Structure formats: C-alpha cells, structure tokens
Amino acid sequence: VQLQASGGGLVQAGGSLRLSCAASGRAFGNYGMGWFRQTPGKEREFVATISWNGGRTYYADSVKGRFTISRDNGKNTVYLQMNNLRNEDTAVYYCAADRGGGGSSWYVGYDYWGQGTLVTVSS
C-alpha cells in the first residue's frame, strides 16, 4: 500500500490544521492507522492511532484533548484534526499503516509509511 500525507503548513499558535493521509489499495479498511511526528535530531514520536474500523483510538498525552484521529474507509483516508496548536507541535508528520488492524503506539508496529508533511507552528 502507498500512503500520501498532506495538509501541513504554517499556522500560528492556537490555530488549527487538518492532515490527511490517502492510501492506495483495497485493503485500507483492514489496516490500523497511526500518525507520528519527528523533529531534527529526535526520534520519531507517536501522536495518535486508530483501529481498522475506527472503534478504538489512542493518543499521546501531549496531544490528548487537542488532536483527533478519524478515518473514512470509503475514501481510503485517515485524518488528524489538530486544534490549539503549540510551538512544540512543529514537526514532520507521518502516517503509517498496520496490517494487523489494531494500530499501535510503537513505530515498529507499522508496515507502511507515508512521506511526511511539515507542520510549522509560529508564536
């Protein structure tokens, strides 16, 4: 499967962005999906995950209450709605697919990765 992330950009602190991740292939509805982020010199950080049917979601503490992950299996797309953005949310955001279906907070649990989209939050 191929993943294409989009929606990044420059936003002021307190603002909002919605990231999208479009997947190719018919098996999207079977995959757990996740969002991770990375800044230079740091390890890739878990942000949010959603199970294959959207029935389970899980968030990093740093984004809980501000970010929402969702999916539309009919459109082969997973979303990350980001509200009340902070400077520390600045990063390249990656989407990932887990063939197991459950999603995970561990990057090693994913089988496919998108190319990343840059989010820059300015104060």
N, C-alpha and C. Protein backbone atom coordinates (compact mmCIF):
# COMPACT_ATOMS: atom_id res chain seq x y z
N VAL A 1 0.84 -1.18 0.00
CA VAL A 1 0.00 0.00 0.00
C VAL A 1 0.88 1.23 0.00
N GLN A 2 0.45 2.28 -0.67
CA GLN A 2 1.16 3.55 -0.68
C GLN A 2 0.34 4.59 0.08
N LEU A 3 1.04 5.39 0.88
CA LEU A 3 0.40 6.40 1.71
C LEU A 3 0.89 7.78 1.30
N GLN A 4 -0.04 8.72 1.17
CA GLN A 4 0.29 10.08 0.77
C GLN A 4 -0.28 11.03 1.80
N ALA A 5 0.59 11.64 2.59
CA ALA A 5 0.17 12.60 3.60
C ALA A 5 0.14 14.00 3.01
N SER A 6 -0.82 14.80 3.47
CA SER A 6 -0.94 16.18 3.01
C SER A 6 -1.62 17.01 4.09
N GLY A 7 -1.62 18.32 3.87
CA GLY A 7 -2.32 19.21 4.78
C GLY A 7 -1.44 20.01 5.72
N GLY A 8 -0.15 19.74 5.70
CA GLY A 8 0.75 20.50 6.54
C GLY A 8 0.88 21.94 6.06
N GLY A 9 1.50 22.76 6.89
CA GLY A 9 1.70 24.16 6.53
C GLY A 9 2.11 24.97 7.72
N LEU A 10 2.05 26.28 7.54
CA LEU A 10 2.43 27.23 8.59
C LEU A 10 1.17 27.76 9.25
N VAL A 11 1.13 27.70 10.57
CA VAL A 11 -0.04 28.16 11.31
C VAL A 11 0.43 28.85 12.59
N GLN A 12 -0.33 29.80 13.04
CA GLN A 12 0.01 30.48 14.29
C GLN A 12 -0.40 29.62 15.48
N ALA A 13 0.29 29.81 16.56
CA ALA A 13 -0.05 29.12 17.79
C ALA A 13 -1.51 29.40 18.15
N GLY A 14 -2.19 28.35 18.57
CA GLY A 14 -3.61 28.43 18.85
C GLY A 14 -4.50 28.10 17.67
N GLY A 15 -3.91 28.01 16.50
CA GLY A 15 -4.67 27.71 15.30
C GLY A 15 -4.90 26.23 15.09
N SER A 16 -5.45 25.90 13.92
CA SER A 16 -5.82 24.52 13.62
C SER A 16 -5.34 24.13 12.22
N LEU A 17 -5.11 22.84 12.06
CA LEU A 17 -4.82 22.24 10.77
C LEU A 17 -5.44 20.86 10.73
N ARG A 18 -5.77 20.40 9.55
CA ARG A 18 -6.21 19.02 9.39
C ARG A 18 -5.30 18.32 8.39
N LEU A 19 -4.65 17.29 8.85
CA LEU A 19 -3.82 16.46 8.00
C LEU A 19 -4.65 15.33 7.41
N SER A 20 -4.32 14.96 6.20
CA SER A 20 -4.96 13.82 5.55
C SER A 20 -3.90 12.83 5.10
N CYS A 21 -4.27 11.58 5.07
CA CYS A 21 -3.38 10.53 4.57
C CYS A 21 -4.22 9.63 3.68
N ALA A 22 -3.96 9.71 2.40
CA ALA A 22 -4.69 8.91 1.42
C ALA A 22 -3.90 7.64 1.11
N ALA A 23 -4.61 6.53 1.10
CA ALA A 23 -3.97 5.23 0.87
C ALA A 23 -4.45 4.61 -0.43
N SER A 24 -3.52 3.97 -1.10
CA SER A 24 -3.89 3.21 -2.30
C SER A 24 -4.26 1.79 -1.88
N GLY A 25 -4.93 1.08 -2.75
CA GLY A 25 -5.22 -0.32 -2.48
C GLY A 25 -6.56 -0.55 -1.82
N ARG A 26 -7.06 -1.78 -1.97
CA ARG A 26 -8.38 -2.13 -1.47
C ARG A 26 -8.38 -2.55 -0.02
N ALA A 27 -7.22 -2.79 0.56
CA ALA A 27 -7.17 -3.35 1.90
C ALA A 27 -7.13 -2.29 2.99
N PHE A 28 -7.29 -1.02 2.61
CA PHE A 28 -7.17 0.05 3.61
C PHE A 28 -8.08 -0.19 4.80
N GLY A 29 -9.28 -0.64 4.54
CA GLY A 29 -10.25 -0.86 5.61
C GLY A 29 -9.85 -1.92 6.61
N ASN A 30 -8.82 -2.69 6.31
CA ASN A 30 -8.33 -3.71 7.23
C ASN A 30 -7.16 -3.24 8.09
N TYR A 31 -6.61 -2.07 7.77
CA TYR A 31 -5.39 -1.61 8.42
C TYR A 31 -5.67 -0.72 9.62
N GLY A 32 -4.93 -0.94 10.69
CA GLY A 32 -4.83 0.09 11.70
C GLY A 32 -3.96 1.21 11.16
N MET A 33 -4.24 2.44 11.58
CA MET A 33 -3.50 3.58 11.07
C MET A 33 -2.95 4.40 12.23
N GLY A 34 -1.85 5.06 11.97
CA GLY A 34 -1.24 5.88 13.01
C GLY A 34 -0.62 7.14 12.43
N TRP A 35 -0.46 8.11 13.29
CA TRP A 35 0.28 9.33 12.97
C TRP A 35 1.45 9.44 13.94
N PHE A 36 2.60 9.77 13.38
CA PHE A 36 3.80 10.01 14.16
C PHE A 36 4.37 11.35 13.71
N ARG A 37 5.30 11.88 14.50
CA ARG A 37 5.96 13.11 14.10
C ARG A 37 7.43 13.07 14.50
N GLN A 38 8.20 13.88 13.80
CA GLN A 38 9.64 13.86 14.05
C GLN A 38 10.21 15.24 13.80
N THR A 39 11.13 15.64 14.69
CA THR A 39 11.88 16.87 14.52
C THR A 39 13.36 16.50 14.39
N PRO A 40 14.16 17.37 13.79
CA PRO A 40 15.57 17.05 13.57
C PRO A 40 16.30 16.67 14.85
N GLY A 41 17.02 15.58 14.80
CA GLY A 41 17.82 15.15 15.93
C GLY A 41 17.05 14.37 16.98
N LYS A 42 15.76 14.17 16.75
CA LYS A 42 14.95 13.43 17.71
C LYS A 42 14.35 12.19 17.07
N GLU A 43 13.98 11.25 17.91
CA GLU A 43 13.34 10.04 17.43
C GLU A 43 11.90 10.33 17.00
N ARG A 44 11.40 9.44 16.15
CA ARG A 44 10.02 9.58 15.72
C ARG A 44 9.11 9.36 16.92
N GLU A 45 8.13 10.25 17.08
CA GLU A 45 7.26 10.28 18.25
C GLU A 45 5.84 9.90 17.87
N PHE A 46 5.25 9.04 18.66
CA PHE A 46 3.87 8.65 18.45
C PHE A 46 2.93 9.82 18.72
N VAL A 47 1.89 9.96 17.88
CA VAL A 47 0.90 11.01 18.07
C VAL A 47 -0.48 10.41 18.34
N ALA A 48 -0.95 9.56 17.42
CA ALA A 48 -2.30 9.01 17.55
C ALA A 48 -2.43 7.76 16.69
N THR A 49 -3.35 6.89 17.07
CA THR A 49 -3.62 5.70 16.29
C THR A 49 -5.11 5.39 16.30
N ILE A 50 -5.55 4.68 15.27
CA ILE A 50 -6.95 4.31 15.15
C ILE A 50 -7.02 2.89 14.57
N SER A 51 -7.94 2.11 15.10
CA SER A 51 -8.08 0.73 14.63
C SER A 51 -8.77 0.68 13.27
N TRP A 52 -8.83 -0.50 12.69
CA TRP A 52 -9.29 -0.66 11.32
C TRP A 52 -10.71 -0.14 11.10
N ASN A 53 -11.57 -0.26 12.11
CA ASN A 53 -12.96 0.18 11.94
C ASN A 53 -13.25 1.48 12.68
N GLY A 54 -12.21 2.10 13.22
CA GLY A 54 -12.40 3.34 13.94
C GLY A 54 -12.92 3.16 15.35
N GLY A 55 -13.06 1.92 15.78
CA GLY A 55 -13.65 1.67 17.08
C GLY A 55 -12.74 1.96 18.25
N ARG A 56 -11.46 2.03 17.98
CA ARG A 56 -10.50 2.32 19.05
C ARG A 56 -9.53 3.38 18.60
N THR A 57 -9.36 4.36 19.44
CA THR A 57 -8.35 5.41 19.21
C THR A 57 -7.50 5.55 20.46
N TYR A 58 -6.31 6.05 20.23
CA TYR A 58 -5.38 6.25 21.36
C TYR A 58 -4.46 7.40 21.00
N TYR A 59 -4.15 8.24 22.01
CA TYR A 59 -3.38 9.45 21.77
C TYR A 59 -2.19 9.55 22.73
N ALA A 60 -1.18 10.22 22.24
CA ALA A 60 -0.10 10.62 23.13
C ALA A 60 -0.64 11.65 24.13
N ASP A 61 -0.11 11.63 25.31
CA ASP A 61 -0.57 12.57 26.34
C ASP A 61 -0.40 14.02 25.88
N SER A 62 0.63 14.27 25.11
CA SER A 62 0.95 15.64 24.70
C SER A 62 -0.09 16.22 23.75
N VAL A 63 -0.90 15.38 23.13
CA VAL A 63 -1.89 15.89 22.16
C VAL A 63 -3.32 15.59 22.58
N LYS A 64 -3.48 14.83 23.63
CA LYS A 64 -4.82 14.43 24.06
C LYS A 64 -5.67 15.66 24.36
N GLY A 65 -6.88 15.66 23.84
CA GLY A 65 -7.79 16.78 24.04
C GLY A 65 -7.63 17.88 23.00
N ARG A 66 -6.57 17.82 22.20
CA ARG A 66 -6.34 18.82 21.17
C ARG A 66 -6.40 18.23 19.76
N PHE A 67 -5.96 16.99 19.62
CA PHE A 67 -5.92 16.33 18.32
C PHE A 67 -6.98 15.24 18.27
N THR A 68 -7.52 15.02 17.08
CA THR A 68 -8.49 13.94 16.87
C THR A 68 -8.14 13.17 15.61
N ILE A 69 -8.01 11.86 15.75
CA ILE A 69 -7.77 11.00 14.59
C ILE A 69 -9.10 10.39 14.17
N SER A 70 -9.30 10.31 12.87
CA SER A 70 -10.51 9.70 12.33
C SER A 70 -10.18 9.08 10.98
N ARG A 71 -11.13 8.32 10.46
CA ARG A 71 -10.89 7.68 9.17
C ARG A 71 -12.19 7.56 8.39
N ASP A 72 -12.04 7.52 7.08
CA ASP A 72 -13.16 7.27 6.18
C ASP A 72 -12.72 6.14 5.27
N ASN A 73 -13.17 4.94 5.57
CA ASN A 73 -12.73 3.78 4.80
C ASN A 73 -13.26 3.81 3.37
N GLY A 74 -14.37 4.49 3.17
CA GLY A 74 -14.89 4.62 1.81
C GLY A 74 -14.00 5.49 0.93
N LYS A 75 -13.25 6.38 1.56
CA LYS A 75 -12.33 7.26 0.82
C LYS A 75 -10.87 6.84 0.99
N ASN A 76 -10.64 5.73 1.68
CA ASN A 76 -9.25 5.28 1.91
C ASN A 76 -8.39 6.37 2.54
N THR A 77 -8.94 7.08 3.49
CA THR A 77 -8.23 8.23 4.05
C THR A 77 -8.35 8.24 5.57
N VAL A 78 -7.25 8.61 6.20
CA VAL A 78 -7.24 8.86 7.64
C VAL A 78 -6.88 10.32 7.86
N TYR A 79 -7.45 10.90 8.89
CA TYR A 79 -7.30 12.33 9.16
C TYR A 79 -6.71 12.55 10.55
N LEU A 80 -6.08 13.69 10.69
CA LEU A 80 -5.64 14.15 12.01
C LEU A 80 -6.04 15.61 12.13
N GLN A 81 -7.09 15.85 12.90
CA GLN A 81 -7.51 17.22 13.17
C GLN A 81 -6.70 17.74 14.35
N MET A 82 -6.00 18.84 14.13
CA MET A 82 -5.13 19.40 15.16
C MET A 82 -5.62 20.78 15.54
N ASN A 83 -6.04 20.94 16.76
CA ASN A 83 -6.54 22.22 17.28
C ASN A 83 -5.62 22.75 18.37
N ASN A 84 -5.76 24.04 18.62
CA ASN A 84 -4.97 24.68 19.68
C ASN A 84 -3.48 24.31 19.56
N LEU A 85 -2.96 24.50 18.37
CA LEU A 85 -1.58 24.10 18.10
C LEU A 85 -0.60 24.93 18.91
N ARG A 86 0.49 24.28 19.28
CA ARG A 86 1.55 24.89 20.08
C ARG A 86 2.86 24.85 19.30
N ASN A 87 3.80 25.68 19.73
CA ASN A 87 5.10 25.70 19.06
C ASN A 87 5.73 24.30 19.04
N GLU A 88 5.55 23.58 20.13
CA GLU A 88 6.18 22.26 20.24
C GLU A 88 5.53 21.20 19.35
N ASP A 89 4.44 21.55 18.67
CA ASP A 89 3.85 20.62 17.70
C ASP A 89 4.55 20.71 16.34
N THR A 90 5.45 21.65 16.18
CA THR A 90 6.19 21.78 14.94
C THR A 90 6.99 20.52 14.68
N ALA A 91 6.77 19.90 13.51
CA ALA A 91 7.44 18.64 13.18
C ALA A 91 7.01 18.22 11.78
N VAL A 92 7.69 17.21 11.28
CA VAL A 92 7.21 16.49 10.10
C VAL A 92 6.30 15.39 10.60
N TYR A 93 5.10 15.34 10.05
CA TYR A 93 4.11 14.36 10.48
C TYR A 93 4.02 13.25 9.43
N TYR A 94 4.05 12.02 9.93
CA TYR A 94 4.00 10.84 9.08
C TYR A 94 2.77 10.00 9.41
N CYS A 95 2.14 9.46 8.38
CA CYS A 95 1.11 8.47 8.62
C CYS A 95 1.68 7.08 8.33
N ALA A 96 1.07 6.10 8.95
CA ALA A 96 1.57 4.74 8.83
C ALA A 96 0.41 3.75 8.91
N ALA A 97 0.60 2.59 8.28
CA ALA A 97 -0.44 1.56 8.23
C ALA A 97 0.05 0.28 8.87
N ASP A 98 -0.83 -0.32 9.64
CA ASP A 98 -0.54 -1.56 10.36
C ASP A 98 -1.41 -2.68 9.80
N ARG A 99 -0.82 -3.67 9.19
CA ARG A 99 -1.60 -4.76 8.58
C ARG A 99 -2.38 -5.56 9.62
N GLY A 100 -1.95 -5.50 10.86
CA GLY A 100 -2.65 -6.23 11.90
C GLY A 100 -4.01 -5.67 12.23
N GLY A 101 -4.22 -4.38 11.90
CA GLY A 101 -5.56 -3.81 12.04
C GLY A 101 -5.81 -3.05 13.33
N GLY A 102 -5.02 -3.34 14.37
CA GLY A 102 -5.34 -2.71 15.64
C GLY A 102 -4.73 -1.35 15.84
N GLY A 103 -3.68 -1.03 15.06
CA GLY A 103 -2.94 0.19 15.32
C GLY A 103 -2.01 -0.01 16.50
N SER A 104 -1.11 0.95 16.70
CA SER A 104 -0.12 0.80 17.76
C SER A 104 0.49 2.16 18.08
N SER A 105 1.02 2.26 19.29
CA SER A 105 1.78 3.46 19.64
C SER A 105 3.27 3.29 19.38
N TRP A 106 3.67 2.12 18.90
CA TRP A 106 5.07 1.83 18.62
C TRP A 106 5.31 1.86 17.12
N TYR A 107 6.33 2.59 16.69
CA TYR A 107 6.55 2.72 15.25
C TYR A 107 6.93 1.39 14.62
N VAL A 108 7.49 0.48 15.39
CA VAL A 108 7.86 -0.82 14.82
C VAL A 108 6.64 -1.65 14.51
N GLY A 109 5.47 -1.25 14.98
CA GLY A 109 4.25 -2.00 14.72
C GLY A 109 3.63 -1.72 13.36
N TYR A 110 4.26 -0.86 12.58
CA TYR A 110 3.68 -0.46 11.31
C TYR A 110 4.46 -1.03 10.13
N ASP A 111 3.71 -1.29 9.07
CA ASP A 111 4.29 -1.94 7.90
C ASP A 111 4.54 -0.98 6.75
N TYR A 112 3.78 0.09 6.69
CA TYR A 112 3.91 1.04 5.58
C TYR A 112 3.92 2.46 6.14
N TRP A 113 4.69 3.32 5.47
CA TRP A 113 4.84 4.71 5.91
C TRP A 113 4.65 5.65 4.73
N GLY A 114 4.04 6.79 5.01
CA GLY A 114 3.95 7.86 4.04
C GLY A 114 5.20 8.71 4.06
N GLN A 115 5.23 9.73 3.22
CA GLN A 115 6.44 10.52 3.02
C GLN A 115 6.57 11.67 4.00
N GLY A 116 5.54 12.01 4.74
CA GLY A 116 5.62 13.08 5.71
C GLY A 116 5.13 14.41 5.17
N THR A 117 4.55 15.20 6.06
CA THR A 117 4.11 16.55 5.73
C THR A 117 4.52 17.47 6.88
N LEU A 118 5.06 18.63 6.54
CA LEU A 118 5.65 19.52 7.54
C LEU A 118 4.59 20.43 8.14
N VAL A 119 4.55 20.46 9.45
CA VAL A 119 3.70 21.39 10.20
C VAL A 119 4.61 22.33 10.96
N THR A 120 4.41 23.62 10.75
CA THR A 120 5.20 24.64 11.45
C THR A 120 4.25 25.55 12.21
N VAL A 121 4.44 25.63 13.51
CA VAL A 121 3.60 26.46 14.36
C VAL A 121 4.44 27.65 14.82
N SER A 122 3.98 28.84 14.53
CA SER A 122 4.71 30.05 14.90
C SER A 122 4.01 30.76 16.06
N SER A 123 4.82 31.43 16.86
CA SER A 123 4.25 32.14 18.01
C SER A 123 3.96 33.58 17.66
